Amino acid sequence: MTESSSAPANNVSMKNKLILLAILAMFILPFVILPLIMSPEKLQKTNKGFLIQPHVLFADLHATDINNRPVNISALNSKWTLLYVMPSNCNDSCVSARTNALYSMRQVRLSLDRDADRVQQLLLFTVKPDQELTDILEKEFSNMLQMHADGEVVDKQIAHASSAGNIYLMSPDGYIFIYYPPYEIGKDSIAHADDIRSDLKKSIQGSRL
């Protein structure tokens, strides 16, 4: 009688194990099978900008305020940041690209609607801006934070591209992880802004930060 009563119990136990294995297989098999049936090219990243590997910690740029006074860098580590490295010397084409970049940053943030408050804009200078640029920034872009860093340090840390003129995305934990080159032509800059918005939106949605 004892043996006969244990048989159903064993059957239930085996059934439960099979159910558990089936559930685990649903989660594990895609990671095993997909690399076998898809080429690496099809598994590429979907971001629009250029990834920076390894990511660059903003604190390693040793930024100060615009007057070279120490700032609390940790105060930045609460929001996603659109970071623009301001060119030190600008000809006419550079000025056009710079203007496009500043407007792109502003429009990208505004277009995020309810997520706009989770994003800040930071201008990083390697030389002190002239009075003309200072006036433009005060008039048009006064809500953008401004900091200063040594140009050689910036170029050394962000060695993946010529840093000046690029727009970068920085995560709330202070890592610069993707960049977008400047565009002199307006229509190219608009498409460029859409790319930045797409990457930033996905980053925000995919993070709890």
Protein backbone atom coordinates (compact mmCIF):
# COMPACT_ATOMS: atom_id res chain seq x y z
CA MET A 1 0.00 0.00 0.00
CA THR A 2 2.87 2.33 0.76
CA GLU A 3 4.51 1.59 -2.57
CA SER A 4 1.33 2.25 -4.54
CA SER A 5 0.73 5.59 -2.79
CA SER A 6 4.28 6.78 -3.48
CA ALA A 7 3.97 6.19 -7.23
CA PRO A 8 1.51 9.07 -7.84
CA ALA A 9 3.70 11.34 -5.70
CA ASN A 10 6.73 10.46 -7.84
CA ASN A 11 4.72 11.14 -10.99
CA VAL A 12 3.69 14.57 -9.69
CA SER A 13 7.27 15.36 -8.76
CA MET A 14 8.51 14.34 -12.23
CA LYS A 15 5.76 16.39 -13.88
CA ASN A 16 6.75 19.47 -11.86
CA LYS A 17 10.39 19.02 -12.87
CA LEU A 18 9.44 18.78 -16.55
CA ILE A 19 7.34 21.95 -16.28
CA LEU A 20 10.24 23.77 -14.63
CA LEU A 21 12.66 22.62 -17.34
CA ALA A 22 10.25 23.77 -20.04
CA ILE A 23 10.00 27.22 -18.48
CA LEU A 24 13.79 27.51 -18.19
CA ALA A 25 14.18 26.40 -21.81
CA MET A 26 11.95 29.24 -22.97
CA PHE A 27 14.38 31.77 -21.50
CA ILE A 28 17.67 30.01 -22.30
CA LEU A 29 17.16 28.67 -25.84
CA PRO A 30 16.94 32.06 -27.58
CA PHE A 31 20.41 32.96 -26.32
CA VAL A 32 21.77 29.63 -27.55
CA ILE A 33 20.00 29.47 -30.90
CA LEU A 34 20.08 33.09 -32.12
CA PRO A 35 23.88 33.32 -32.47
CA LEU A 36 23.78 30.10 -34.52
CA ILE A 37 21.13 31.23 -37.00
CA MET A 38 22.05 34.93 -37.24
CA SER A 39 25.30 36.43 -38.45
CA PRO A 40 27.20 38.90 -36.24
CA GLU A 41 26.25 41.66 -38.71
CA LYS A 42 22.56 41.06 -38.02
CA LEU A 43 23.19 41.18 -34.29
CA GLN A 44 24.86 44.60 -34.50
CA LYS A 45 23.96 47.54 -32.32
CA THR A 46 20.90 49.59 -33.24
CA ASN A 47 22.16 52.97 -32.01
CA LYS A 48 22.53 55.84 -34.44
CA GLY A 49 25.65 57.42 -32.94
CA PHE A 50 29.19 56.12 -32.54
CA LEU A 51 29.81 54.04 -29.44
CA ILE A 52 32.79 54.85 -27.23
CA GLN A 53 34.50 51.72 -25.88
CA PRO A 54 35.50 51.73 -23.15
CA HIS A 55 33.18 54.43 -21.84
CA VAL A 56 34.84 57.60 -20.55
CA LEU A 57 34.22 58.75 -17.00
CA PHE A 58 33.45 62.47 -17.04
CA ALA A 59 35.28 62.96 -13.75
CA ASP A 60 38.51 61.97 -15.55
CA LEU A 61 38.25 65.17 -17.64
CA HIS A 62 38.87 67.18 -14.44
CA ALA A 63 36.36 69.84 -15.43
CA THR A 64 36.02 73.13 -13.55
CA ASP A 65 33.56 75.99 -13.84
CA ILE A 66 34.04 78.45 -16.67
CA ASN A 67 36.45 80.48 -14.53
CA ASN A 68 38.59 77.42 -13.70
CA ARG A 69 37.23 77.07 -10.18
CA PRO A 70 36.49 73.60 -8.75
CA VAL A 71 32.93 72.34 -9.15
CA ASN A 72 31.01 69.47 -7.63
CA ILE A 73 31.04 67.05 -10.57
CA SER A 74 28.85 64.63 -8.67
CA ALA A 75 26.02 67.15 -9.02
CA LEU A 76 25.81 66.12 -12.68
CA ASN A 77 25.23 62.49 -11.83
CA SER A 78 21.48 62.71 -11.52
CA LYS A 79 20.37 63.22 -15.10
CA TRP A 80 21.17 62.15 -18.63
CA THR A 81 23.44 64.75 -20.20
CA LEU A 82 23.79 66.11 -23.70
CA LEU A 83 27.45 67.19 -23.69
CA TYR A 84 28.92 69.49 -26.33
CA VAL A 85 32.67 70.04 -26.54
CA MET A 86 33.00 73.62 -27.76
CA PRO A 87 35.60 74.15 -30.54
CA SER A 88 38.39 76.48 -29.44
CA ASN A 89 38.91 78.19 -32.80
CA CYS A 90 36.04 78.60 -35.24
CA ASN A 91 36.00 79.59 -38.92
CA ASP A 92 32.71 80.22 -40.76
CA SER A 93 31.93 76.53 -41.33
CA CYS A 94 32.72 75.74 -37.71
CA VAL A 95 30.41 78.53 -36.51
CA SER A 96 27.57 77.07 -38.62
CA ALA A 97 28.17 73.58 -37.24
CA ARG A 98 28.41 74.97 -33.70
CA THR A 99 25.12 76.83 -34.06
CA ASN A 100 23.43 73.73 -35.48
CA ALA A 101 24.74 71.63 -32.59
CA LEU A 102 23.45 74.05 -29.95
CA TYR A 103 19.99 74.22 -31.53
CA SER A 104 19.94 70.43 -31.96
CA MET A 105 20.69 69.90 -28.27
CA ARG A 106 17.93 72.29 -27.27
CA GLN A 107 15.35 70.80 -29.61
CA VAL A 108 16.23 67.21 -28.67
CA ARG A 109 15.63 67.93 -25.01
CA LEU A 110 12.35 69.77 -25.63
CA SER A 111 11.09 66.98 -27.90
CA LEU A 112 11.35 64.46 -25.08
CA ASP A 113 8.16 65.86 -23.51
CA ARG A 114 7.69 64.30 -20.06
CA ASP A 115 11.27 62.99 -20.09
CA ALA A 116 12.74 66.45 -20.72
CA ASP A 117 13.30 67.02 -17.00
CA ARG A 118 15.52 63.94 -16.90
CA VAL A 119 17.97 65.53 -19.36
CA GLN A 120 20.42 68.40 -18.94
CA GLN A 121 22.71 70.15 -21.42
CA LEU A 122 26.37 70.85 -20.74
CA LEU A 123 28.82 72.95 -22.76
CA LEU A 124 32.45 72.04 -22.19
CA PHE A 125 35.01 74.70 -23.14
CA THR A 126 38.74 74.19 -23.58
CA VAL A 127 39.38 77.95 -23.89
CA LYS A 128 37.45 80.89 -22.47
CA PRO A 129 34.69 81.96 -24.89
CA ASP A 130 34.94 85.36 -26.56
CA GLN A 131 32.39 88.07 -25.83
CA GLU A 132 30.36 87.42 -28.99
CA LEU A 133 29.86 83.75 -28.12
CA THR A 134 29.17 84.63 -24.47
CA ASP A 135 26.42 87.02 -25.56
CA ILE A 136 24.85 84.39 -27.85
CA LEU A 137 24.86 81.80 -25.11
CA GLU A 138 23.33 84.18 -22.57
CA LYS A 139 20.62 85.22 -25.03
CA GLU A 140 19.74 81.89 -26.67
CA PHE A 141 21.07 79.07 -24.48
CA SER A 142 21.15 80.38 -20.93
CA ASN A 143 19.74 77.10 -19.53
CA MET A 144 22.81 75.13 -20.64
CA LEU A 145 25.44 74.39 -18.01
CA GLN A 146 28.97 75.54 -18.75
CA MET A 147 32.28 74.01 -17.66
CA HIS A 148 35.93 74.13 -18.65
CA ALA A 149 38.53 71.41 -19.15
CA ASP A 150 42.05 71.21 -20.52
CA GLY A 151 41.91 70.46 -24.25
CA GLU A 152 44.77 67.96 -24.14
CA VAL A 153 43.11 66.06 -21.31
CA VAL A 154 39.80 65.93 -23.18
CA ASP A 155 41.44 64.71 -26.39
CA LYS A 156 43.45 62.10 -24.49
CA GLN A 157 40.48 60.73 -22.59
CA ILE A 158 38.11 60.80 -25.55
CA ALA A 159 40.65 59.47 -28.00
CA HIS A 160 38.07 57.79 -30.27
CA ALA A 161 37.41 60.96 -32.25
CA SER A 162 38.42 64.58 -32.49
CA SER A 163 36.51 65.72 -29.43
CA ALA A 164 35.84 69.37 -30.33
CA GLY A 165 32.49 69.99 -32.01
CA ASN A 166 31.01 66.61 -31.12
CA ILE A 167 27.83 66.07 -29.15
CA TYR A 168 28.09 63.29 -26.57
CA LEU A 169 25.58 61.37 -24.48
CA MET A 170 26.47 60.91 -20.83
CA SER A 171 24.63 58.59 -18.46
CA PRO A 172 23.45 59.65 -14.99
CA ASP A 173 26.36 57.72 -13.45
CA GLY A 174 28.82 60.01 -15.25
CA TYR A 175 29.95 57.88 -18.21
CA ILE A 176 30.29 59.32 -21.74
CA PHE A 177 29.28 56.45 -24.00
CA ILE A 178 28.31 57.66 -27.47
CA TYR A 179 29.06 60.62 -29.76
CA TYR A 180 27.75 62.40 -32.86
CA PRO A 181 29.93 64.44 -35.23
CA PRO A 182 29.07 68.06 -36.18
CA TYR A 183 27.13 69.02 -39.30
CA GLU A 184 27.47 72.32 -41.10
CA ILE A 185 24.39 71.93 -43.34
CA GLY A 186 21.03 72.54 -41.69
CA LYS A 187 19.12 69.57 -43.14
CA ASP A 188 21.89 67.20 -42.13
CA SER A 189 21.80 68.64 -38.63
CA ILE A 190 18.03 68.02 -38.41
CA ALA A 191 18.47 64.36 -39.33
CA HIS A 192 21.36 64.26 -36.87
CA ALA A 193 19.09 65.60 -34.11
CA ASP A 194 16.57 62.82 -34.83
CA ASP A 195 19.36 60.27 -34.38
CA ILE A 196 20.35 61.78 -31.04
CA ARG A 197 16.76 61.83 -29.85
CA SER A 198 16.27 58.19 -30.87
CA ASP A 199 19.33 57.01 -28.93
CA LEU A 200 18.58 59.16 -25.91
CA LYS A 201 14.94 58.05 -25.79
CA LYS A 202 15.94 54.38 -25.91
CA SER A 203 18.57 54.94 -23.23
CA ILE A 204 16.09 56.63 -20.93
CA GLN A 205 13.39 54.00 -21.48
CA GLY A 206 15.86 51.17 -20.94
CA SER A 207 17.14 52.52 -17.65
CA ARG A 208 15.73 53.11 -14.20
CA LEU A 209 18.14 56.02 -13.66
